[in-house]
PDB file of N, CA and C in Angstrom:
ATOM      1  N   MET A   1      16.584  13.309  16.036  1.00  0.00           N
ATOM      2  CA  MET A   1      16.020  13.938  14.860  1.00  0.00           C
ATOM      3  C   MET A   1      15.057  12.985  14.140  1.00  0.00           C
ATOM      4  N   ARG A   2      15.503  11.720  13.927  1.00  0.00           N
ATOM      5  CA  ARG A   2      14.647  10.740  13.242  1.00  0.00           C
ATOM      6  C   ARG A   2      13.340  10.534  13.995  1.00  0.00           C
ATOM      7  N   LEU A   3      13.450  10.510  15.312  1.00  0.00           N
ATOM      8  CA  LEU A   3      12.275  10.296  16.152  1.00  0.00           C
ATOM      9  C   LEU A   3      11.243  11.402  15.965  1.00  0.00           C
ATOM     10  N   LYS A   4      11.707  12.627  15.793  1.00  0.00           N
ATOM     11  CA  LYS A   4      10.792  13.762  15.615  1.00  0.00           C
ATOM     12  C   LYS A   4      10.193  13.804  14.211  1.00  0.00           C
ATOM     13  N   LEU A   5      10.945  13.330  13.218  1.00  0.00           N
ATOM     14  CA  LEU A   5      10.470  13.370  11.831  1.00  0.00           C
ATOM     15  C   LEU A   5       9.614  12.161  11.452  1.00  0.00           C
ATOM     16  N   PHE A   6       9.760  11.079  12.184  1.00  0.00           N
ATOM     17  CA  PHE A   6       9.060   9.837  11.856  1.00  0.00           C
ATOM     18  C   PHE A   6       7.551  10.006  11.666  1.00  0.00           C
ATOM     19  N   PRO A   7       6.839  10.730  12.542  1.00  0.00           N
ATOM     20  CA  PRO A   7       5.384  10.867  12.359  1.00  0.00           C
ATOM     21  C   PRO A   7       4.978  11.443  11.004  1.00  0.00           C
ATOM     22  N   PHE A   8       5.832  12.246  10.398  1.00  0.00           N
ATOM     23  CA  PHE A   8       5.506  12.852   9.108  1.00  0.00           C
ATOM     24  C   PHE A   8       5.618  11.861   7.951  1.00  0.00           C
ATOM     25  N   THR A   9       6.209  10.700   8.203  1.00  0.00           N
ATOM     26  CA  THR A   9       6.357   9.687   7.153  1.00  0.00           C
ATOM     27  C   THR A   9       5.195   8.700   7.133  1.00  0.00           C
ATOM     28  N   LEU A  10       4.306   8.794   8.108  1.00  0.00           N
ATOM     29  CA  LEU A  10       3.232   7.812   8.252  1.00  0.00           C
ATOM     30  C   LEU A  10       1.908   8.297   7.692  1.00  0.00           C
ATOM     31  N   LYS A  11       1.065   7.316   7.345  1.00  0.00           N
ATOM     32  CA  LYS A  11      -0.307   7.612   6.944  1.00  0.00           C
ATOM     33  C   LYS A  11      -1.167   6.404   7.260  1.00  0.00           C
ATOM     34  N   ASP A  12      -2.450   6.575   7.173  1.00  0.00           N
ATOM     35  CA  ASP A  12      -3.430   5.505   7.342  1.00  0.00           C
ATOM     36  C   ASP A  12      -3.223   4.723   8.643  1.00  0.00           C
ATOM     37  N   LYS A  13      -3.138   3.387   8.547  1.00  0.00           N
ATOM     38  CA  LYS A  13      -3.062   2.544   9.738  1.00  0.00           C
ATOM     39  C   LYS A  13      -1.829   2.831  10.589  1.00  0.00           C
ATOM     40  N   ALA A  14      -0.723   3.124   9.943  1.00  0.00           N
ATOM     41  CA  ALA A  14       0.504   3.397  10.695  1.00  0.00           C
ATOM     42  C   ALA A  14       0.368   4.681  11.510  1.00  0.00           C
ATOM     43  N   LYS A  15      -0.251   5.679  10.940  1.00  0.00           N
ATOM     44  CA  LYS A  15      -0.456   6.945  11.665  1.00  0.00           C
ATOM     45  C   LYS A  15      -1.438   6.741  12.825  1.00  0.00           C
ATOM     46  N   ILE A  16      -2.488   5.973  12.595  1.00  0.00           N
ATOM     47  CA  ILE A  16      -3.448   5.665  13.658  1.00  0.00           C
ATOM     48  C   ILE A  16      -2.738   4.936  14.800  1.00  0.00           C
ATOM     49  N   TRP A  17      -1.884   3.973  14.438  1.00  0.00           N
ATOM     50  CA  TRP A  17      -1.126   3.238  15.451  1.00  0.00           C
ATOM     51  C   TRP A  17      -0.274   4.198  16.283  1.00  0.00           C
ATOM     52  N   LEU A  18       0.470   5.061  15.634  1.00  0.00           N
ATOM     53  CA  LEU A  18       1.348   5.986  16.354  1.00  0.00           C
ATOM     54  C   LEU A  18       0.543   6.900  17.278  1.00  0.00           C
ATOM     55  N   ASN A  19      -0.574   7.397  16.782  1.00  0.00           N
ATOM     56  CA  ASN A  19      -1.405   8.295  17.593  1.00  0.00           C
ATOM     57  C   ASN A  19      -2.083   7.583  18.761  1.00  0.00           C
ATOM     58  N   SER A  20      -2.167   6.255  18.695  1.00  0.00           N
ATOM     59  CA  SER A  20      -2.808   5.501  19.780  1.00  0.00           C
ATOM     60  C   SER A  20      -1.852   5.194  20.933  1.00  0.00           C
ATOM     61  N   LEU A  21      -0.564   5.433  20.731  1.00  0.00           N
ATOM     62  CA  LEU A  21       0.414   5.172  21.789  1.00  0.00           C
ATOM     63  C   LEU A  21       0.261   6.171  22.929  1.00  0.00           C
ATOM     64  N   ARG A  22       0.586   5.710  24.126  1.00  0.00           N
ATOM     65  CA  ARG A  22       0.571   6.614  25.282  1.00  0.00           C
ATOM     66  C   ARG A  22       1.588   7.727  25.063  1.00  0.00           C
ATOM     67  N   PRO A  23       1.260   8.944  25.450  1.00  0.00           N
ATOM     68  CA  PRO A  23       2.227  10.045  25.328  1.00  0.00           C
ATOM     69  C   PRO A  23       3.522   9.712  26.074  1.00  0.00           C
ATOM     70  N   ARG A  24       4.622  10.030  25.459  1.00  0.00           N
ATOM     71  CA  ARG A  24       5.969   9.831  26.013  1.00  0.00           C
ATOM     72  C   ARG A  24       6.323   8.366  26.283  1.00  0.00           C
ATOM     73  N   SER A  25       5.612   7.431  25.652  1.00  0.00           N
ATOM     74  CA  SER A  25       5.934   6.012  25.841  1.00  0.00           C
ATOM     75  C   SER A  25       7.129   5.597  24.983  1.00  0.00           C
ATOM     76  N   ILE A  26       7.423   6.367  23.966  1.00  0.00           N
ATOM     77  CA  ILE A  26       8.573   6.114  23.099  1.00  0.00           C
ATOM     78  C   ILE A  26       9.612   7.197  23.380  1.00  0.00           C
ATOM     79  N   ARG A  27      10.782   6.772  23.846  1.00  0.00           N
ATOM     80  CA  ARG A  27      11.803   7.760  24.208  1.00  0.00           C
ATOM     81  C   ARG A  27      13.025   7.731  23.289  1.00  0.00           C
ATOM     82  N   THR A  28      13.232   6.602  22.590  1.00  0.00           N
ATOM     83  CA  THR A  28      14.406   6.493  21.721  1.00  0.00           C
ATOM     84  C   THR A  28      14.002   5.920  20.367  1.00  0.00           C
ATOM     85  N   TRP A  29      14.899   6.069  19.405  1.00  0.00           N
ATOM     86  CA  TRP A  29      14.678   5.512  18.074  1.00  0.00           C
ATOM     87  C   TRP A  29      14.546   3.991  18.155  1.00  0.00           C
ATOM     88  N   THR A  30      15.348   3.358  19.002  1.00  0.00           N
ATOM     89  CA  THR A  30      15.295   1.907  19.174  1.00  0.00           C
ATOM     90  C   THR A  30      13.941   1.472  19.726  1.00  0.00           C
ATOM     91  N   ASP A  31      13.412   2.225  20.696  1.00  0.00           N
ATOM     92  CA  ASP A  31      12.071   1.935  21.225  1.00  0.00           C
ATOM     93  C   ASP A  31      11.031   2.001  20.108  1.00  0.00           C
ATOM     94  N   LEU A  32      11.132   3.032  19.297  1.00  0.00           N
ATOM     95  CA  LEU A  32      10.169   3.224  18.210  1.00  0.00           C
ATOM     96  C   LEU A  32      10.249   2.081  17.207  1.00  0.00           C
ATOM     97  N   GLN A  33      11.463   1.709  16.816  1.00  0.00           N
ATOM     98  CA  GLN A  33      11.631   0.609  15.870  1.00  0.00           C
ATOM     99  C   GLN A  33      11.019  -0.681  16.411  1.00  0.00           C
ATOM    100  N   ALA A  34      11.303  -0.980  17.666  1.00  0.00           N
ATOM    101  CA  ALA A  34      10.799  -2.219  18.269  1.00  0.00           C
ATOM    102  C   ALA A  34       9.272  -2.234  18.298  1.00  0.00           C
ATOM    103  N   GLU A  35       8.672  -1.145  18.719  1.00  0.00           N
ATOM    104  CA  GLU A  35       7.206  -1.072  18.789  1.00  0.00           C
ATOM    105  C   GLU A  35       6.576  -1.123  17.398  1.00  0.00           C
ATOM    106  N   PHE A  36       7.174  -0.415  16.450  1.00  0.00           N
ATOM    107  CA  PHE A  36       6.646  -0.391  15.086  1.00  0.00           C
ATOM    108  C   PHE A  36       6.691  -1.788  14.466  1.00  0.00           C
ATOM    109  N   LEU A  37       7.808  -2.480  14.655  1.00  0.00           N
ATOM    110  CA  LEU A  37       7.961  -3.799  14.041  1.00  0.00           C
ATOM    111  C   LEU A  37       7.090  -4.866  14.704  1.00  0.00           C
ATOM    112  N   LYS A  38       6.605  -4.612  15.916  1.00  0.00           N
ATOM    113  CA  LYS A  38       5.640  -5.533  16.528  1.00  0.00           C
ATOM    114  C   LYS A  38       4.329  -5.517  15.744  1.00  0.00           C
ATOM    115  N   ILE A  39       3.944  -4.338  15.287  1.00  0.00           N
ATOM    116  CA  ILE A  39       2.681  -4.168  14.569  1.00  0.00           C
ATOM    117  C   ILE A  39       2.858  -4.367  13.065  1.00  0.00           C
ATOM    118  N   PHE A  40       3.973  -3.894  12.528  1.00  0.00           N
ATOM    119  CA  PHE A  40       4.244  -3.966  11.089  1.00  0.00           C
ATOM    120  C   PHE A  40       5.560  -4.714  10.856  1.00  0.00           C
ATOM    121  N   PRO A  41       5.581  -6.051  11.120  1.00  0.00           N
ATOM    122  CA  PRO A  41       6.828  -6.801  10.978  1.00  0.00           C
ATOM    123  C   PRO A  41       7.321  -6.830   9.530  1.00  0.00           C
ATOM    124  N   THR A  42       8.630  -6.901   9.385  1.00  0.00           N
ATOM    125  CA  THR A  42       9.261  -6.861   8.064  1.00  0.00           C
ATOM    126  C   THR A  42       8.752  -7.970   7.150  1.00  0.00           C
ATOM    127  N   HIS A  43       8.650  -9.199   7.657  1.00  0.00           N
ATOM    128  CA  HIS A  43       8.207 -10.305   6.795  1.00  0.00           C
ATOM    129  C   HIS A  43       6.781 -10.088   6.302  1.00  0.00           C
ATOM    130  N   ARG A  44       5.939  -9.514   7.150  1.00  0.00           N
ATOM    131  CA  ARG A  44       4.559  -9.224   6.732  1.00  0.00           C
ATOM    132  C   ARG A  44       4.555  -8.115   5.685  1.00  0.00           C
ATOM    133  N   THR A  45       5.339  -7.077   5.927  1.00  0.00           N
ATOM    134  CA  THR A  45       5.429  -5.961   4.986  1.00  0.00           C
ATOM    135  C   THR A  45       5.922  -6.435   3.629  1.00  0.00           C
ATOM    136  N   ASN A  46       6.952  -7.272   3.621  1.00  0.00           N
ATOM    137  CA  ASN A  46       7.493  -7.757   2.347  1.00  0.00           C
ATOM    138  C   ASN A  46       6.455  -8.570   1.579  1.00  0.00           C
ATOM    139  N   GLY A  47       5.689  -9.382   2.286  1.00  0.00           N
ATOM    140  CA  GLY A  47       4.634 -10.160   1.636  1.00  0.00           C
ATOM    141  C   GLY A  47       3.550  -9.269   1.050  1.00  0.00           C
ATOM    142  N   LEU A  48       3.166  -8.239   1.798  1.00  0.00           N
ATOM    143  CA  LEU A  48       2.144  -7.313   1.311  1.00  0.00           C
ATOM    144  C   LEU A  48       2.656  -6.503   0.119  1.00  0.00           C
ATOM    145  N   LYS A  49       3.919  -6.122   0.149  1.00  0.00           N
ATOM    146  CA  LYS A  49       4.494  -5.379  -0.982  1.00  0.00           C
ATOM    147  C   LYS A  49       4.530  -6.256  -2.235  1.00  0.00           C
ATOM    148  N   ARG A  50       4.843  -7.544  -2.057  1.00  0.00           N
ATOM    149  CA  ARG A  50       4.819  -8.471  -3.202  1.00  0.00           C
ATOM    150  C   ARG A  50       3.406  -8.614  -3.743  1.00  0.00           C
ATOM    151  N   GLN A  51       2.427  -8.649  -2.836  1.00  0.00           N
ATOM    152  CA  GLN A  51       1.020  -8.758  -3.247  1.00  0.00           C
ATOM    153  C   GLN A  51       0.626  -7.550  -4.097  1.00  0.00           C
ATOM    154  N   ILE A  52       1.115  -6.379  -3.752  1.00  0.00           N
ATOM    155  CA  ILE A  52       0.824  -5.161  -4.520  1.00  0.00           C
ATOM    156  C   ILE A  52       1.541  -5.195  -5.863  1.00  0.00           C
ATOM    157  N   SER A  53       2.835  -5.478  -5.845  1.00  0.00           N
ATOM    158  CA  SER A  53       3.626  -5.397  -7.084  1.00  0.00           C
ATOM    159  C   SER A  53       3.334  -6.528  -8.064  1.00  0.00           C
ATOM    160  N   ASN A  54       2.837  -7.656  -7.577  1.00  0.00           N
ATOM    161  CA  ASN A  54       2.518  -8.793  -8.453  1.00  0.00           C
ATOM    162  C   ASN A  54       1.016  -8.958  -8.657  1.00  0.00           C
ATOM    163  N   PHE A  55       0.271  -7.901  -8.427  1.00  0.00           N
ATOM    164  CA  PHE A  55      -1.184  -7.963  -8.505  1.00  0.00           C
ATOM    165  C   PHE A  55      -1.645  -8.389  -9.891  1.00  0.00           C
ATOM    166  N   SER A  56      -2.697  -9.214  -9.913  1.00  0.00           N
ATOM    167  CA  SER A  56      -3.313  -9.555 -11.204  1.00  0.00           C
ATOM    168  C   SER A  56      -4.807  -9.808 -11.005  1.00  0.00           C
ATOM    169  N   ALA A  57      -5.554  -9.491 -12.038  1.00  0.00           N
ATOM    170  CA  ALA A  57      -7.003  -9.680 -12.018  1.00  0.00           C
ATOM    171  C   ALA A  57      -7.317 -11.171 -12.024  1.00  0.00           C
ATOM    172  N   LYS A  58      -8.395 -11.517 -11.348  1.00  0.00           N
ATOM    173  CA  LYS A  58      -8.859 -12.900 -11.367  1.00  0.00           C
ATOM    174  C   LYS A  58      -9.705 -13.114 -12.612  1.00  0.00           C
ATOM    175  N   GLU A  59      -9.803 -14.359 -13.021  1.00  0.00           N
ATOM    176  CA  GLU A  59     -10.603 -14.684 -14.201  1.00  0.00           C
ATOM    177  C   GLU A  59     -12.058 -14.279 -13.965  1.00  0.00           C
ATOM    178  N   ASN A  60     -12.653 -13.631 -14.943  1.00  0.00           N
ATOM    179  CA  ASN A  60     -14.048 -13.160 -14.911  1.00  0.00           C
ATOM    180  C   ASN A  60     -14.330 -12.120 -13.822  1.00  0.00           C
ATOM    181  N   GLU A  61     -13.293 -11.498 -13.292  1.00  0.00           N
ATOM    182  CA  GLU A  61     -13.480 -10.463 -12.275  1.00  0.00           C
ATOM    183  C   GLU A  61     -13.869  -9.156 -12.956  1.00  0.00           C
ATOM    184  N   LYS A  62     -14.833  -8.474 -12.388  1.00  0.00           N
ATOM    185  CA  LYS A  62     -15.249  -7.175 -12.918  1.00  0.00           C
ATOM    186  C   LYS A  62     -14.205  -6.126 -12.544  1.00  0.00           C
ATOM    187  N   PHE A  63     -14.155  -5.058 -13.337  1.00  0.00           N
ATOM    188  CA  PHE A  63     -13.160  -4.007 -13.110  1.00  0.00           C
ATOM    189  C   PHE A  63     -13.246  -3.459 -11.689  1.00  0.00           C
ATOM    190  N   TYR A  64     -14.458  -3.102 -11.247  1.00  0.00           N
ATOM    191  CA  TYR A  64     -14.589  -2.487  -9.919  1.00  0.00           C
ATOM    192  C   TYR A  64     -14.185  -3.457  -8.812  1.00  0.00           C
ATOM    193  N   GLU A  65     -14.428  -4.770  -9.010  1.00  0.00           N
ATOM    194  CA  GLU A  65     -14.016  -5.767  -8.020  1.00  0.00           C
ATOM    195  C   GLU A  65     -12.490  -5.857  -7.961  1.00  0.00           C
ATOM    196  N   CYS A  66     -11.898  -5.818  -9.130  1.00  0.00           N
ATOM    197  CA  CYS A  66     -10.442  -5.859  -9.233  1.00  0.00           C
ATOM    198  C   CYS A  66      -9.833  -4.634  -8.539  1.00  0.00           C
ATOM    199  N   TRP A  67     -10.399  -3.465  -8.822  1.00  0.00           N
ATOM    200  CA  TRP A  67      -9.911  -2.217  -8.224  1.00  0.00           C
ATOM    201  C   TRP A  67     -10.057  -2.248  -6.701  1.00  0.00           C
ATOM    202  N   GLU A  68     -11.203  -2.700  -6.207  1.00  0.00           N
ATOM    203  CA  GLU A  68     -11.428  -2.771  -4.761  1.00  0.00           C
ATOM    204  C   GLU A  68     -10.428  -3.714  -4.096  1.00  0.00           C
ATOM    205  N   ARG A  69     -10.163  -4.838  -4.725  1.00  0.00           N
ATOM    206  CA  ARG A  69      -9.210  -5.806  -4.173  1.00  0.00           C
ATOM    207  C   ARG A  69      -7.797  -5.220  -4.152  1.00  0.00           C
ATOM    208  N   TYR A  70      -7.456  -4.490  -5.204  1.00  0.00           N
ATOM    209  CA  TYR A  70      -6.138  -3.846  -5.257  1.00  0.00           C
ATOM    210  C   TYR A  70      -6.018  -2.783  -4.169  1.00  0.00           C
ATOM    211  N   MET A  71      -7.047  -1.981  -3.988  1.00  0.00           N
ATOM    212  CA  MET A  71      -7.023  -0.942  -2.955  1.00  0.00           C
ATOM    213  C   MET A  71      -6.953  -1.559  -1.555  1.00  0.00           C
ATOM    214  N   GLU A  72      -7.577  -2.700  -1.358  1.00  0.00           N
ATOM    215  CA  GLU A  72      -7.471  -3.396  -0.071  1.00  0.00           C
ATOM    216  C   GLU A  72      -6.025  -3.805   0.188  1.00  0.00           C
ATOM    217  N   ALA A  73      -5.346  -4.276  -0.856  1.00  0.00           N
ATOM    218  CA  ALA A  73      -3.936  -4.658  -0.710  1.00  0.00           C
ATOM    219  C   ALA A  73      -3.083  -3.442  -0.352  1.00  0.00           C
ATOM    220  N   ILE A  74      -3.331  -2.328  -1.014  1.00  0.00           N
ATOM    221  CA  ILE A  74      -2.578  -1.099  -0.730  1.00  0.00           C
ATOM    222  C   ILE A  74      -2.867  -0.616   0.690  1.00  0.00           C
ATOM    223  N   ASN A  75      -4.128  -0.619   1.085  1.00  0.00           N
ATOM    224  CA  ASN A  75      -4.499  -0.144   2.421  1.00  0.00           C
ATOM    225  C   ASN A  75      -4.007  -1.063   3.531  1.00  0.00           C
ATOM    226  N   ALA A  76      -3.764  -2.331   3.215  1.00  0.00           N
ATOM    227  CA  ALA A  76      -3.231  -3.265   4.209  1.00  0.00           C
ATOM    228  C   ALA A  76      -1.763  -2.983   4.510  1.00  0.00           C
ATOM    229  N   CYS A  77      -1.124  -2.215   3.637  1.00  0.00           N
ATOM    230  CA  CYS A  77       0.301  -1.901   3.803  1.00  0.00           C
ATOM    231  C   CYS A  77       0.530  -0.418   3.527  1.00  0.00           C
ATOM    232  N   PRO A  78       0.051   0.452   4.422  1.00  0.00           N
ATOM    233  CA  PRO A  78       0.144   1.893   4.162  1.00  0.00           C
ATOM    234  C   PRO A  78       1.575   2.420   4.095  1.00  0.00           C
ATOM    235  N   HIS A  79       2.517   1.644   4.569  1.00  0.00           N
ATOM    236  CA  HIS A  79       3.923   2.051   4.566  1.00  0.00           C
ATOM    237  C   HIS A  79       4.692   1.376   3.420  1.00  0.00           C
ATOM    238  N   HIS A  80       3.980   1.039   2.327  1.00  0.00           N
ATOM    239  CA  HIS A  80       4.584   0.317   1.204  1.00  0.00           C
ATOM    240  C   HIS A  80       5.710   1.087   0.523  1.00  0.00           C
ATOM    241  N   GLY A  81       5.637   2.396   0.486  1.00  0.00           N
ATOM    242  CA  GLY A  81       6.711   3.207  -0.088  1.00  0.00           C
ATOM    243  C   GLY A  81       6.708   3.323  -1.604  1.00  0.00           C
ATOM    244  N   PHE A  82       5.713   2.760  -2.290  1.00  0.00           N
ATOM    245  CA  PHE A  82       5.652   2.855  -3.746  1.00  0.00           C
ATOM    246  C   PHE A  82       5.134   4.229  -4.163  1.00  0.00           C
ATOM    247  N   ASP A  83       5.722   4.801  -5.207  1.00  0.00           N
ATOM    248  CA  ASP A  83       5.210   6.049  -5.774  1.00  0.00           C
ATOM    249  C   ASP A  83       3.876   5.771  -6.471  1.00  0.00           C
ATOM    250  N   THR A  84       3.058   6.806  -6.596  1.00  0.00           N
ATOM    251  CA  THR A  84       1.734   6.663  -7.211  1.00  0.00           C
ATOM    252  C   THR A  84       1.830   6.113  -8.629  1.00  0.00           C
ATOM    253  N   TRP A  85       2.778   6.614  -9.421  1.00  0.00           N
ATOM    254  CA  TRP A  85       2.896   6.155 -10.807  1.00  0.00           C
ATOM    255  C   TRP A  85       3.185   4.659 -10.856  1.00  0.00           C
ATOM    256  N   LEU A  86       3.947   4.157  -9.883  1.00  0.00           N
ATOM    257  CA  LEU A  86       4.280   2.740  -9.859  1.00  0.00           C
ATOM    258  C   LEU A  86       3.065   1.905  -9.448  1.00  0.00           C
ATOM    259  N   LEU A  87       2.272   2.410  -8.511  1.00  0.00           N
ATOM    260  CA  LEU A  87       1.044   1.719  -8.119  1.00  0.00           C
ATOM    261  C   LEU A  87       0.086   1.597  -9.299  1.00  0.00           C
ATOM    262  N   VAL A  88      -0.037   2.671 -10.071  1.00  0.00           N
ATOM    263  CA  VAL A  88      -0.898   2.654 -11.261  1.00  0.00           C
ATOM    264  C   VAL A  88      -0.368   1.635 -12.265  1.00  0.00           C
ATOM    265  N   SER A  89       0.931   1.617 -12.447  1.00  0.00           N
ATOM    266  CA  SER A  89       1.553   0.683 -13.384  1.00  0.00           C
ATOM    267  C   SER A  89       1.323  -0.772 -12.962  1.00  0.00           C
ATOM    268  N   TYR A  90       1.494  -1.067 -11.677  1.00  0.00           N
ATOM    269  CA  TYR A  90       1.250  -2.429 -11.182  1.00  0.00           C
ATOM    270  C   TYR A  90      -0.195  -2.852 -11.452  1.00  0.00           C
ATOM    271  N   PHE A  91      -1.124  -1.942 -11.197  1.00  0.00           N
ATOM    272  CA  PHE A  91      -2.535  -2.270 -11.413  1.00  0.00           C
ATOM    273  C   PHE A  91      -2.804  -2.513 -12.895  1.00  0.00           C
ATOM    274  N   TYR A  92      -2.334  -1.607 -13.737  1.00  0.00           N
ATOM    275  CA  TYR A  92      -2.576  -1.736 -15.177  1.00  0.00           C
ATOM    276  C   TYR A  92      -1.957  -3.028 -15.710  1.00  0.00           C
ATOM    277  N   ASP A  93      -0.732  -3.306 -15.310  1.00  0.00           N
ATOM    278  CA  ASP A  93      -0.058  -4.519 -15.784  1.00  0.00           C
ATOM    279  C   ASP A  93      -0.786  -5.787 -15.342  1.00  0.00           C
ATOM    280  N   GLY A  94      -1.474  -5.722 -14.203  1.00  0.00           N
ATOM    281  CA  GLY A  94      -2.177  -6.887 -13.687  1.00  0.00           C
ATOM    282  C   GLY A  94      -3.590  -7.061 -14.206  1.00  0.00           C
ATOM    283  N   MET A  95      -4.065  -6.078 -14.957  1.00  0.00           N
ATOM    284  CA  MET A  95      -5.422  -6.165 -15.501  1.00  0.00           C
ATOM    285  C   MET A  95      -5.482  -7.177 -16.637  1.00  0.00           C
ATOM    286  N   SER A  96      -6.651  -7.761 -16.829  1.00  0.00           N
ATOM    287  CA  SER A  96      -6.851  -8.663 -17.964  1.00  0.00           C
ATOM    288  C   SER A  96      -6.859  -7.830 -19.245  1.00  0.00           C
ATOM    289  N   SER A  97      -6.663  -8.472 -20.369  1.00  0.00           N
ATOM    290  CA  SER A  97      -6.644  -7.736 -21.640  1.00  0.00           C
ATOM    291  C   SER A  97      -8.003  -7.103 -21.933  1.00  0.00           C
ATOM    292  N   SER A  98      -9.095  -7.759 -21.521  1.00  0.00           N
ATOM    293  CA  SER A  98     -10.418  -7.161 -21.754  1.00  0.00           C
ATOM    294  C   SER A  98     -10.616  -5.920 -20.877  1.00  0.00           C
ATOM    295  N   MET A  99     -10.090  -5.941 -19.658  1.00  0.00           N
ATOM    296  CA  MET A  99     -10.168  -4.752 -18.793  1.00  0.00           C
ATOM    297  C   MET A  99      -9.342  -3.608 -19.373  1.00  0.00           C
ATOM    298  N   LYS A 100      -8.156  -3.935 -19.862  1.00  0.00           N
ATOM    299  CA  LYS A 100      -7.297  -2.905 -20.467  1.00  0.00           C
ATOM    300  C   LYS A 100      -7.996  -2.276 -21.665  1.00  0.00           C
ATOM    301  N   GLN A 101      -8.620  -3.118 -22.478  1.00  0.00           N
ATOM    302  CA  GLN A 101      -9.320  -2.621 -23.661  1.00  0.00           C
ATOM    303  C   GLN A 101     -10.472  -1.702 -23.253  1.00  0.00           C
ATOM    304  N   LEU A 102     -11.233  -2.097 -22.248  1.00  0.00           N
ATOM    305  CA  LEU A 102     -12.337  -1.274 -21.750  1.00  0.00           C
ATOM    306  C   LEU A 102     -11.812   0.062 -21.222  1.00  0.00           C
ATOM    307  N   LEU A 103     -10.770   0.020 -20.424  1.00  0.00           N
ATOM    308  CA  LEU A 103     -10.198   1.234 -19.848  1.00  0.00           C
ATOM    309  C   LEU A 103      -9.660   2.158 -20.938  1.00  0.00           C
ATOM    310  N   GLU A 104      -8.959   1.608 -21.895  1.00  0.00           N
ATOM    311  CA  GLU A 104      -8.408   2.413 -22.986  1.00  0.00           C
ATOM    312  C   GLU A 104      -9.517   3.036 -23.826  1.00  0.00           C
ATOM    313  N   THR A 105     -10.606   2.311 -24.029  1.00  0.00           N
ATOM    314  CA  THR A 105     -11.747   2.849 -24.770  1.00  0.00           C
ATOM    315  C   THR A 105     -12.371   4.010 -24.003  1.00  0.00           C
ATOM    316  N   MET A 106     -12.541   3.832 -22.697  1.00  0.00           N
ATOM    317  CA  MET A 106     -13.130   4.891 -21.872  1.00  0.00           C
ATOM    318  C   MET A 106     -12.246   6.135 -21.839  1.00  0.00           C
ATOM    319  N   CYS A 107     -10.942   5.937 -21.940  1.00  0.00           N
ATOM    320  CA  CYS A 107     -10.003   7.068 -21.884  1.00  0.00           C
ATOM    321  C   CYS A 107      -9.683   7.625 -23.266  1.00  0.00           C
ATOM    322  N   GLY A 108     -10.300   7.107 -24.286  1.00  0.00           N
ATOM    323  CA  GLY A 108     -10.041   7.598 -25.636  1.00  0.00           C
ATOM    324  C   GLY A 108      -8.804   6.998 -26.269  1.00  0.00           C
ATOM    325  N   GLY A 109      -8.366   5.850 -25.789  1.00  0.00           N
ATOM    326  CA  GLY A 109      -7.198   5.191 -26.355  1.00  0.00           C
ATOM    327  C   GLY A 109      -5.913   5.674 -25.720  1.00  0.00           C
ATOM    328  N   ILE A 110      -4.855   4.939 -25.974  1.00  0.00           N
ATOM    329  CA  ILE A 110      -3.535   5.290 -25.441  1.00  0.00           C
ATOM    330  C   ILE A 110      -2.730   5.942 -26.548  1.00  0.00           C
ATOM    331  N   SER A 111      -2.097   7.039 -26.211  1.00  0.00           N
ATOM    332  CA  SER A 111      -1.280   7.756 -27.203  1.00  0.00           C
ATOM    333  C   SER A 111       0.123   7.230 -27.221  1.00  0.00           C
TER     334      SER A 111
END
């Protein structure tokens, strides 16, 4: 059952990886786990997840540069498992105070 449902849990690079496998090359859940972890090892995933959750703007970084760098971190770990609201929160918390002020002004302030 897990083997049949697994493709529905993937997106981006992970989905591309799965679709690139030879048909019927994965026959068991154990086979799938082993192949997946070769490409997306746990230690790498944990490091990328920390990079996302501890994100912060660099000094004198422009908003769009900061956003692009954050999106690169997210795209490097498509299987991060974070909800959208949490991703937004991590980004906002990591912004400089001047970026927050600019964003709040553009949005009409925070209620």
